[in-house]
C-alpha atoms as a PDB file:
ATOM      1  CA  UNK A   1      20.430   7.323  21.253  1.00  0.00           C
ATOM      2  CA  UNK A   2      18.318   8.348  18.292  1.00  0.00           C
ATOM      3  CA  UNK A   3      16.422   5.933  16.311  1.00  0.00           C
ATOM      4  CA  UNK A   4      18.901   6.007  13.338  1.00  0.00           C
ATOM      5  CA  UNK A   5      21.682   5.115  15.437  1.00  0.00           C
ATOM      6  CA  UNK A   6      19.558   2.410  17.267  1.00  0.00           C
ATOM      7  CA  UNK A   7      18.845   0.533  14.033  1.00  0.00           C
ATOM      8  CA  UNK A   8      21.452   2.006  11.601  1.00  0.00           C
ATOM      9  CA  UNK A   9      18.311   3.720   9.465  1.00  0.00           C
ATOM     10  CA  UNK A  10      19.814   5.254   6.294  1.00  0.00           C
ATOM     11  CA  UNK A  11      16.921   7.632   6.150  1.00  0.00           C
ATOM     12  CA  UNK A  12      14.070   8.765   8.443  1.00  0.00           C
ATOM     13  CA  UNK A  13      10.389   7.580   8.159  1.00  0.00           C
ATOM     14  CA  UNK A  14       7.217   9.151   8.386  1.00  0.00           C
ATOM     15  CA  UNK A  15       8.399  12.795   7.232  1.00  0.00           C
ATOM     16  CA  UNK A  16       5.857  15.250   6.143  1.00  0.00           C
ATOM     17  CA  UNK A  17       8.006  16.406   3.244  1.00  0.00           C
ATOM     18  CA  UNK A  18       8.373  12.792   2.018  1.00  0.00           C
ATOM     19  CA  UNK A  19       8.841  12.606  -1.853  1.00  0.00           C
ATOM     20  CA  UNK A  20       9.583  10.270  -4.529  1.00  0.00           C
ATOM     21  CA  UNK A  21       9.810   6.494  -3.561  1.00  0.00           C
ATOM     22  CA  UNK A  22       8.957   7.553  -0.023  1.00  0.00           C
ATOM     23  CA  UNK A  23       5.355   8.314  -1.041  1.00  0.00           C
ATOM     24  CA  UNK A  24       2.483   5.805  -0.685  1.00  0.00           C
ATOM     25  CA  UNK A  25      -0.380   5.729  -3.073  1.00  0.00           C
ATOM     26  CA  UNK A  26      -3.663   4.677  -1.204  1.00  0.00           C
ATOM     27  CA  UNK A  27      -6.753   3.934  -3.514  1.00  0.00           C
ATOM     28  CA  UNK A  28      -8.076   7.266  -2.697  1.00  0.00           C
ATOM     29  CA  UNK A  29      -4.946   9.242  -3.587  1.00  0.00           C
ATOM     30  CA  UNK A  30      -4.769   7.308  -6.857  1.00  0.00           C
ATOM     31  CA  UNK A  31      -8.491   8.003  -7.690  1.00  0.00           C
ATOM     32  CA  UNK A  32      -7.982  11.615  -6.648  1.00  0.00           C
ATOM     33  CA  UNK A  33      -4.933  12.284  -8.694  1.00  0.00           C
ATOM     34  CA  UNK A  34      -6.671  10.572 -11.880  1.00  0.00           C
ATOM     35  CA  UNK A  35      -9.601  13.107 -11.532  1.00  0.00           C
ATOM     36  CA  UNK A  36      -7.539  15.920 -10.935  1.00  0.00           C
ATOM     37  CA  UNK A  37      -5.698  14.949 -14.329  1.00  0.00           C
ATOM     38  CA  UNK A  38      -8.857  14.844 -15.996  1.00  0.00           C
ATOM     39  CA  UNK A  39      -9.645  18.334 -14.739  1.00  0.00           C
ATOM     40  CA  UNK A  40      -6.285  19.702 -16.045  1.00  0.00           C
ATOM     41  CA  UNK A  41      -6.780  17.676 -19.588  1.00  0.00           C
ATOM     42  CA  UNK A  42     -10.378  19.266 -20.016  1.00  0.00           C
ATOM     43  CA  UNK A  43      -9.701  22.534 -18.786  1.00  0.00           C
ATOM     44  CA  UNK A  44     -12.651  22.031 -16.338  1.00  0.00           C
ATOM     45  CA  UNK A  45     -13.702  23.239 -12.579  1.00  0.00           C
ATOM     46  CA  UNK A  46     -12.510  20.819  -9.930  1.00  0.00           C
ATOM     47  CA  UNK A  47     -13.106  20.522  -6.205  1.00  0.00           C
ATOM     48  CA  UNK A  48     -10.808  18.420  -4.049  1.00  0.00           C
ATOM     49  CA  UNK A  49     -11.726  17.979  -0.472  1.00  0.00           C
ATOM     50  CA  UNK A  50     -10.563  16.058   2.617  1.00  0.00           C
ATOM     51  CA  UNK A  51     -10.117  16.077   6.354  1.00  0.00           C
ATOM     52  CA  UNK A  52      -7.044  17.838   7.854  1.00  0.00           C
ATOM     53  CA  UNK A  53      -3.920  15.880   7.268  1.00  0.00           C
ATOM     54  CA  UNK A  54      -5.463  13.513   4.540  1.00  0.00           C
ATOM     55  CA  UNK A  55      -2.804  14.319   2.143  1.00  0.00           C
ATOM     56  CA  UNK A  56      -4.543  17.161  -0.018  1.00  0.00           C
ATOM     57  CA  UNK A  57      -1.400  19.343  -0.275  1.00  0.00           C
ATOM     58  CA  UNK A  58       0.901  16.324  -0.987  1.00  0.00           C
ATOM     59  CA  UNK A  59      -1.332  15.603  -3.620  1.00  0.00           C
ATOM     60  CA  UNK A  60      -1.287  18.716  -5.180  1.00  0.00           C
ATOM     61  CA  UNK A  61       2.302  19.198  -5.023  1.00  0.00           C
ATOM     62  CA  UNK A  62       2.691  15.812  -6.887  1.00  0.00           C
ATOM     63  CA  UNK A  63       0.223  16.978  -9.405  1.00  0.00           C
ATOM     64  CA  UNK A  64       2.160  20.142 -10.067  1.00  0.00           C
ATOM     65  CA  UNK A  65       5.634  18.638 -10.203  1.00  0.00           C
ATOM     66  CA  UNK A  66       4.426  16.064 -12.671  1.00  0.00           C
ATOM     67  CA  UNK A  67       3.196  18.696 -15.244  1.00  0.00           C
ATOM     68  CA  UNK A  68       5.439  19.237 -18.257  1.00  0.00           C
ATOM     69  CA  UNK A  69       7.009  22.572 -17.682  1.00  0.00           C
ATOM     70  CA  UNK A  70       6.938  23.293 -21.602  1.00  0.00           C
ATOM     71  CA  UNK A  71       3.208  22.917 -21.600  1.00  0.00           C
ATOM     72  CA  UNK A  72       1.783  23.995 -18.128  1.00  0.00           C
ATOM     73  CA  UNK A  73       2.299  27.021 -15.761  1.00  0.00           C
ATOM     74  CA  UNK A  74       1.117  25.871 -12.362  1.00  0.00           C
ATOM     75  CA  UNK A  75      -0.483  28.721 -10.289  1.00  0.00           C
ATOM     76  CA  UNK A  76      -0.801  28.043  -6.675  1.00  0.00           C
ATOM     77  CA  UNK A  77      -2.725  30.534  -4.360  1.00  0.00           C
ATOM     78  CA  UNK A  78      -3.179  29.942  -0.690  1.00  0.00           C
ATOM     79  CA  UNK A  79      -4.289  33.021   1.115  1.00  0.00           C
ATOM     80  CA  UNK A  80      -6.509  33.517   4.198  1.00  0.00           C
ATOM     81  CA  UNK A  81      -9.686  35.182   3.463  1.00  0.00           C
ATOM     82  CA  UNK A  82      -9.207  35.388  -0.321  1.00  0.00           C
ATOM     83  CA  UNK A  83     -10.924  38.284  -1.887  1.00  0.00           C
ATOM     84  CA  UNK A  84     -11.729  38.785  -5.652  1.00  0.00           C
ATOM     85  CA  UNK A  85      -9.062  41.675  -6.073  1.00  0.00           C
ATOM     86  CA  UNK A  86      -6.410  39.534  -4.488  1.00  0.00           C
ATOM     87  CA  UNK A  87      -7.228  36.586  -6.912  1.00  0.00           C
ATOM     88  CA  UNK A  88      -7.239  38.706  -9.945  1.00  0.00           C
ATOM     89  CA  UNK A  89      -4.178  40.739  -8.735  1.00  0.00           C
ATOM     90  CA  UNK A  90      -2.092  37.159  -8.704  1.00  0.00           C
ATOM     91  CA  UNK A  91      -3.341  36.269 -12.214  1.00  0.00           C
ATOM     92  CA  UNK A  92      -2.685  39.633 -13.562  1.00  0.00           C
ATOM     93  CA  UNK A  93       0.636  39.972 -12.110  1.00  0.00           C
ATOM     94  CA  UNK A  94       1.516  36.846 -14.116  1.00  0.00           C
ATOM     95  CA  UNK A  95       0.484  38.530 -17.311  1.00  0.00           C
ATOM     96  CA  UNK A  96       2.853  41.536 -16.370  1.00  0.00           C
ATOM     97  CA  UNK A  97      -0.132  43.665 -15.576  1.00  0.00           C
ATOM     98  CA  UNK A  98      -0.213  46.063 -12.417  1.00  0.00           C
ATOM     99  CA  UNK A  99      -3.483  45.725 -10.420  1.00  0.00           C
ATOM    100  CA  UNK A 100      -5.950  48.633 -10.947  1.00  0.00           C
ATOM    101  CA  UNK A 101      -7.119  50.410  -7.816  1.00  0.00           C
ATOM    102  CA  UNK A 102     -10.679  49.411  -8.094  1.00  0.00           C
ATOM    103  CA  UNK A 103     -11.997  46.023  -8.259  1.00  0.00           C
ATOM    104  CA  UNK A 104     -14.432  46.984 -11.382  1.00  0.00           C
ATOM    105  CA  UNK A 105     -11.323  47.937 -13.258  1.00  0.00           C
ATOM    106  CA  UNK A 106      -9.375  44.770 -12.218  1.00  0.00           C
ATOM    107  CA  UNK A 107     -12.452  42.783 -13.480  1.00  0.00           C
ATOM    108  CA  UNK A 108     -12.482  44.782 -16.642  1.00  0.00           C
ATOM    109  CA  UNK A 109      -8.362  44.220 -17.295  1.00  0.00           C
ATOM    110  CA  UNK A 110      -8.859  40.728 -16.467  1.00  0.00           C
ATOM    111  CA  UNK A 111     -11.794  40.104 -18.816  1.00  0.00           C
ATOM    112  CA  UNK A 112      -9.852  41.951 -21.676  1.00  0.00           C
ATOM    113  CA  UNK A 113      -6.755  39.685 -21.279  1.00  0.00           C
ATOM    114  CA  UNK A 114      -8.890  36.537 -20.677  1.00  0.00           C
ATOM    115  CA  UNK A 115     -10.662  37.225 -24.095  1.00  0.00           C
ATOM    116  CA  UNK A 116      -7.576  37.627 -25.948  1.00  0.00           C
ATOM    117  CA  UNK A 117      -6.429  34.257 -24.697  1.00  0.00           C
ATOM    118  CA  UNK A 118      -3.125  34.601 -26.464  1.00  0.00           C
ATOM    119  CA  UNK A 119      -1.262  34.329 -23.123  1.00  0.00           C
ATOM    120  CA  UNK A 120      -2.937  31.140 -22.319  1.00  0.00           C
ATOM    121  CA  UNK A 121      -2.000  29.079 -25.501  1.00  0.00           C
ATOM    122  CA  UNK A 122       1.839  29.057 -25.150  1.00  0.00           C
ATOM    123  CA  UNK A 123       1.824  27.107 -21.674  1.00  0.00           C
ATOM    124  CA  UNK A 124      -1.789  26.145 -19.983  1.00  0.00           C
ATOM    125  CA  UNK A 125      -2.231  27.803 -16.949  1.00  0.00           C
ATOM    126  CA  UNK A 126      -3.197  25.283 -13.977  1.00  0.00           C
ATOM    127  CA  UNK A 127      -4.873  27.534 -11.214  1.00  0.00           C
ATOM    128  CA  UNK A 128      -4.707  25.928  -7.816  1.00  0.00           C
ATOM    129  CA  UNK A 129      -6.747  27.724  -4.845  1.00  0.00           C
ATOM    130  CA  UNK A 130      -5.808  26.030  -1.515  1.00  0.00           C
ATOM    131  CA  UNK A 131      -7.371  26.341   1.855  1.00  0.00           C
ATOM    132  CA  UNK A 132     -10.591  27.261  -0.175  1.00  0.00           C
ATOM    133  CA  UNK A 133     -12.822  27.049   2.670  1.00  0.00           C
ATOM    134  CA  UNK A 134     -11.417  30.471   3.992  1.00  0.00           C
ATOM    135  CA  UNK A 135     -12.228  32.275   1.092  1.00  0.00           C
ATOM    136  CA  UNK A 136     -14.424  35.431   1.487  1.00  0.00           C
ATOM    137  CA  UNK A 137     -17.769  34.988   0.574  1.00  0.00           C
ATOM    138  CA  UNK A 138     -17.484  37.384  -2.398  1.00  0.00           C
ATOM    139  CA  UNK A 139     -14.676  35.334  -3.868  1.00  0.00           C
ATOM    140  CA  UNK A 140     -16.861  32.319  -3.910  1.00  0.00           C
ATOM    141  CA  UNK A 141     -19.642  34.120  -5.673  1.00  0.00           C
ATOM    142  CA  UNK A 142     -17.013  35.407  -7.860  1.00  0.00           C
ATOM    143  CA  UNK A 143     -15.893  31.978  -9.054  1.00  0.00           C
ATOM    144  CA  UNK A 144     -18.979  32.037 -11.393  1.00  0.00           C
ATOM    145  CA  UNK A 145     -16.950  34.552 -13.533  1.00  0.00           C
ATOM    146  CA  UNK A 146     -13.217  33.972 -13.124  1.00  0.00           C
ATOM    147  CA  UNK A 147     -12.776  31.619 -16.131  1.00  0.00           C
ATOM    148  CA  UNK A 148     -15.000  33.145 -18.720  1.00  0.00           C
ATOM    149  CA  UNK A 149     -17.230  35.964 -19.225  1.00  0.00           C
ATOM    150  CA  UNK A 150     -19.270  34.628 -22.009  1.00  0.00           C
ATOM    151  CA  UNK A 151     -21.744  31.601 -22.186  1.00  0.00           C
ATOM    152  CA  UNK A 152     -20.402  30.393 -25.340  1.00  0.00           C
ATOM    153  CA  UNK A 153     -16.507  30.886 -24.533  1.00  0.00           C
ATOM    154  CA  UNK A 154     -14.048  28.170 -23.886  1.00  0.00           C
ATOM    155  CA  UNK A 155     -12.332  28.276 -20.502  1.00  0.00           C
ATOM    156  CA  UNK A 156      -8.647  28.979 -21.226  1.00  0.00           C
ATOM    157  CA  UNK A 157      -7.361  27.104 -18.260  1.00  0.00           C
ATOM    158  CA  UNK A 158      -8.597  24.672 -15.418  1.00  0.00           C
ATOM    159  CA  UNK A 159      -9.241  25.810 -11.907  1.00  0.00           C
ATOM    160  CA  UNK A 160      -9.103  23.520  -8.900  1.00  0.00           C
ATOM    161  CA  UNK A 161     -10.593  24.416  -5.412  1.00  0.00           C
ATOM    162  CA  UNK A 162      -8.712  22.472  -2.545  1.00  0.00           C
ATOM    163  CA  UNK A 163     -10.290  22.546   0.913  1.00  0.00           C
ATOM    164  CA  UNK A 164     -11.427  20.924   4.251  1.00  0.00           C
ATOM    165  CA  UNK A 165     -15.010  19.085   4.365  1.00  0.00           C
ATOM    166  CA  UNK A 166     -16.700  22.408   5.251  1.00  0.00           C
ATOM    167  CA  UNK A 167     -15.968  23.562   1.744  1.00  0.00           C
ATOM    168  CA  UNK A 168     -18.127  20.848   0.485  1.00  0.00           C
ATOM    169  CA  UNK A 169     -21.032  21.532   2.779  1.00  0.00           C
ATOM    170  CA  UNK A 170     -20.887  25.129   2.211  1.00  0.00           C
ATOM    171  CA  UNK A 171     -21.379  24.633  -1.551  1.00  0.00           C
ATOM    172  CA  UNK A 172     -24.537  22.706  -0.789  1.00  0.00           C
ATOM    173  CA  UNK A 173     -26.098  25.992   0.402  1.00  0.00           C
ATOM    174  CA  UNK A 174     -28.716  27.598  -1.928  1.00  0.00           C
ATOM    175  CA  UNK A 175     -26.949  30.629  -2.161  1.00  0.00           C
ATOM    176  CA  UNK A 176     -23.921  28.941  -3.841  1.00  0.00           C
ATOM    177  CA  UNK A 177     -25.932  26.545  -6.164  1.00  0.00           C
ATOM    178  CA  UNK A 178     -24.723  28.607  -9.283  1.00  0.00           C
ATOM    179  CA  UNK A 179     -21.124  27.656  -8.337  1.00  0.00           C
ATOM    180  CA  UNK A 180     -21.945  24.170  -7.500  1.00  0.00           C
ATOM    181  CA  UNK A 181     -23.560  23.604 -10.726  1.00  0.00           C
ATOM    182  CA  UNK A 182     -20.372  24.591 -12.562  1.00  0.00           C
ATOM    183  CA  UNK A 183     -18.216  22.223 -10.781  1.00  0.00           C
ATOM    184  CA  UNK A 184     -17.274  19.519 -13.244  1.00  0.00           C
ATOM    185  CA  UNK A 185     -15.383  16.926 -10.751  1.00  0.00           C
ATOM    186  CA  UNK A 186     -15.404  16.661  -7.006  1.00  0.00           C
ATOM    187  CA  UNK A 187     -13.689  14.387  -4.762  1.00  0.00           C
ATOM    188  CA  UNK A 188     -13.428  13.964  -1.276  1.00  0.00           C
ATOM    189  CA  UNK A 189     -10.373  12.394   0.187  1.00  0.00           C
ATOM    190  CA  UNK A 190     -10.903   9.829   3.161  1.00  0.00           C
ATOM    191  CA  UNK A 191      -8.765   8.319   5.513  1.00  0.00           C
ATOM    192  CA  UNK A 192      -6.839   4.841   4.413  1.00  0.00           C
ATOM    193  CA  UNK A 193      -8.340   1.589   5.189  1.00  0.00           C
ATOM    194  CA  UNK A 194      -7.026  -0.576   7.705  1.00  0.00           C
ATOM    195  CA  UNK A 195      -5.144  -2.899   5.284  1.00  0.00           C
ATOM    196  CA  UNK A 196      -3.727   0.524   3.548  1.00  0.00           C
ATOM    197  CA  UNK A 197      -2.514   1.688   7.173  1.00  0.00           C
ATOM    198  CA  UNK A 198      -0.572  -1.297   7.515  1.00  0.00           C
ATOM    199  CA  UNK A 199       0.701  -1.208   3.956  1.00  0.00           C
ATOM    200  CA  UNK A 200       1.836   2.490   4.488  1.00  0.00           C
ATOM    201  CA  UNK A 201       3.688   1.887   7.956  1.00  0.00           C
ATOM    202  CA  UNK A 202       5.537  -0.985   6.187  1.00  0.00           C
ATOM    203  CA  UNK A 203       6.350   1.223   3.085  1.00  0.00           C
ATOM    204  CA  UNK A 204       7.641   3.973   5.235  1.00  0.00           C
ATOM    205  CA  UNK A 205       9.963   1.595   7.248  1.00  0.00           C
ATOM    206  CA  UNK A 206      11.282   0.160   4.138  1.00  0.00           C
ATOM    207  CA  UNK A 207      12.739   3.735   3.094  1.00  0.00           C
ATOM    208  CA  UNK A 208      14.968   3.458   6.385  1.00  0.00           C
ATOM    209  CA  UNK A 209      16.885   0.440   4.639  1.00  0.00           C
ATOM    210  CA  UNK A 210      16.487  -1.846   7.401  1.00  0.00           C
ATOM    211  CA  UNK A 211      12.679  -2.524   8.129  1.00  0.00           C
ATOM    212  CA  UNK A 212      13.311  -2.307  11.847  1.00  0.00           C
ATOM    213  CA  UNK A 213      11.629  -1.923  14.279  1.00  0.00           C
ATOM    214  CA  UNK A 214       8.628  -3.869  13.229  1.00  0.00           C
ATOM    215  CA  UNK A 215       5.012  -2.913  13.730  1.00  0.00           C
ATOM    216  CA  UNK A 216       3.045  -5.847  15.205  1.00  0.00           C
ATOM    217  CA  UNK A 217      -0.405  -6.265  13.716  1.00  0.00           C
ATOM    218  CA  UNK A 218      -2.047  -5.197  17.217  1.00  0.00           C
ATOM    219  CA  UNK A 219      -0.004  -2.053  16.917  1.00  0.00           C
ATOM    220  CA  UNK A 220      -1.191  -1.108  13.348  1.00  0.00           C
ATOM    221  CA  UNK A 221      -5.083  -1.992  14.385  1.00  0.00           C
ATOM    222  CA  UNK A 222      -4.545   0.567  17.193  1.00  0.00           C
ATOM    223  CA  UNK A 223      -3.010   3.178  15.120  1.00  0.00           C
ATOM    224  CA  UNK A 224      -5.618   2.970  12.741  1.00  0.00           C
ATOM    225  CA  UNK A 225      -8.526   2.891  14.948  1.00  0.00           C
ATOM    226  CA  UNK A 226      -6.916   6.056  16.764  1.00  0.00           C
ATOM    227  CA  UNK A 227      -5.979   7.894  13.596  1.00  0.00           C
ATOM    228  CA  UNK A 228      -8.891   6.883  11.459  1.00  0.00           C
ATOM    229  CA  UNK A 229      -6.476   6.406   8.736  1.00  0.00           C
ATOM    230  CA  UNK A 230      -5.209  10.113   8.364  1.00  0.00           C
ATOM    231  CA  UNK A 231      -1.816   9.813   7.089  1.00  0.00           C
ATOM    232  CA  UNK A 232      -0.294  12.824   9.296  1.00  0.00           C
ATOM    233  CA  UNK A 233      -1.996  11.464  12.504  1.00  0.00           C
ATOM    234  CA  UNK A 234      -0.615   7.857  11.535  1.00  0.00           C
ATOM    235  CA  UNK A 235       3.057   9.850  11.041  1.00  0.00           C
ATOM    236  CA  UNK A 236       2.740  11.237  14.482  1.00  0.00           C
ATOM    237  CA  UNK A 237       1.609   7.995  16.397  1.00  0.00           C
ATOM    238  CA  UNK A 238       4.424   6.161  14.443  1.00  0.00           C
ATOM    239  CA  UNK A 239       7.126   8.609  15.129  1.00  0.00           C
ATOM    240  CA  UNK A 240       6.334   8.749  18.837  1.00  0.00           C
ATOM    241  CA  UNK A 241       5.873   5.186  18.984  1.00  0.00           C
ATOM    242  CA  UNK A 242       9.406   4.671  17.621  1.00  0.00           C
ATOM    243  CA  UNK A 243      10.983   7.017  19.969  1.00  0.00           C
ATOM    244  CA  UNK A 244       9.114   4.971  22.884  1.00  0.00           C
ATOM    245  CA  UNK A 245      10.479   1.910  21.613  1.00  0.00           C
ATOM    246  CA  UNK A 246      14.170   3.341  21.303  1.00  0.00           C
ATOM    247  CA  UNK A 247      14.213   4.302  24.954  1.00  0.00           C
ATOM    248  CA  UNK A 248      13.053   0.851  25.943  1.00  0.00           C
ATOM    249  CA  UNK A 249      15.471  -0.791  23.774  1.00  0.00           C
ATOM    250  CA  UNK A 250      12.744  -2.533  21.900  1.00  0.00           C
ATOM    251  CA  UNK A 251      12.876  -4.571  18.857  1.00  0.00           C
ATOM    252  CA  UNK A 252       9.279  -4.247  17.884  1.00  0.00           C
ATOM    253  CA  UNK A 253       6.349  -1.905  18.185  1.00  0.00           C
ATOM    254  CA  UNK A 254       3.876  -3.651  19.934  1.00  0.00           C
ATOM    255  CA  UNK A 255       0.309  -2.384  21.501  1.00  0.00           C
ATOM    256  CA  UNK A 256       1.908  -1.218  24.727  1.00  0.00           C
ATOM    257  CA  UNK A 257       4.049   1.427  22.866  1.00  0.00           C
ATOM    258  CA  UNK A 258       0.926   2.713  21.081  1.00  0.00           C
ATOM    259  CA  UNK A 259      -1.278   2.942  24.350  1.00  0.00           C
ATOM    260  CA  UNK A 260       1.578   5.041  25.935  1.00  0.00           C
ATOM    261  CA  UNK A 261       1.624   7.454  23.158  1.00  0.00           C
ATOM    262  CA  UNK A 262      -2.169   7.611  23.148  1.00  0.00           C
ATOM    263  CA  UNK A 263      -2.115   8.175  26.972  1.00  0.00           C
ATOM    264  CA  UNK A 264       0.745  10.736  26.732  1.00  0.00           C
ATOM    265  CA  UNK A 265      -1.402  12.635  23.932  1.00  0.00           C
ATOM    266  CA  UNK A 266      -4.548  12.687  26.062  1.00  0.00           C
ATOM    267  CA  UNK A 267      -2.555  13.980  29.132  1.00  0.00           C
ATOM    268  CA  UNK A 268      -0.753  16.772  26.940  1.00  0.00           C
ATOM    269  CA  UNK A 269      -4.322  17.880  25.706  1.00  0.00           C
ATOM    270  CA  UNK A 270      -5.565  17.884  29.319  1.00  0.00           C
ATOM    271  CA  UNK A 271      -8.364  15.474  28.652  1.00  0.00           C
ATOM    272  CA  UNK A 272      -6.933  13.247  31.531  1.00  0.00           C
ATOM    273  CA  UNK A 273      -6.016  14.158  35.140  1.00  0.00           C
END
């Protein structure tokens, strides 16, 4: 028997592709979203970092879908080892340009189109580079020039970097000081608090239409401690605990269910005999 059959659910909770009412706004997510909107409104250079599973991509997806399609053109780039030619090629393709063979010619063509700025006035671009910690070093250095080539020029579009914590650490290095100084807004997304973790779990359960099974306070505390409040890990623990409760015909998720989930994870990883 599946959990949906066991508790007569209308929807499955703790899904990675949750949207709309299924989304939960922690204080950190609200603050990050407000700052990203500031970046867009001011055509600024922003940096969003966070632990794996902290909800960065979900946040960016929400940001993109919230933009007025008549006013904004979201451009999302996610490529391992992104290099300057790849980056310019993606942007030039949006302008209907074929990418030149050499990087120098690519830069020149991009600069010419950038200075005209005509293409950026009808719909403002919003450029996002995800997994930015994996960019090639030459791409990181290129960030000094991608939005404008002249000291007195106004940047025609906002640029947002999204990455894991090492991106923030890398930008503290002396060789990247020129890039760090150009960042107008930086925000680091952390895990949810104990209270937020409980609210998040209860919010997810409401999406099922039944509020069952109930997570006890002790179970929530164990989940928060083990997950550090990282949403993706909370989802994993809760989903596995629900299946454990289903097989045992339990009406509530208690500490014993969570302990079995944690023990099983340690065994699967080979950390216990």
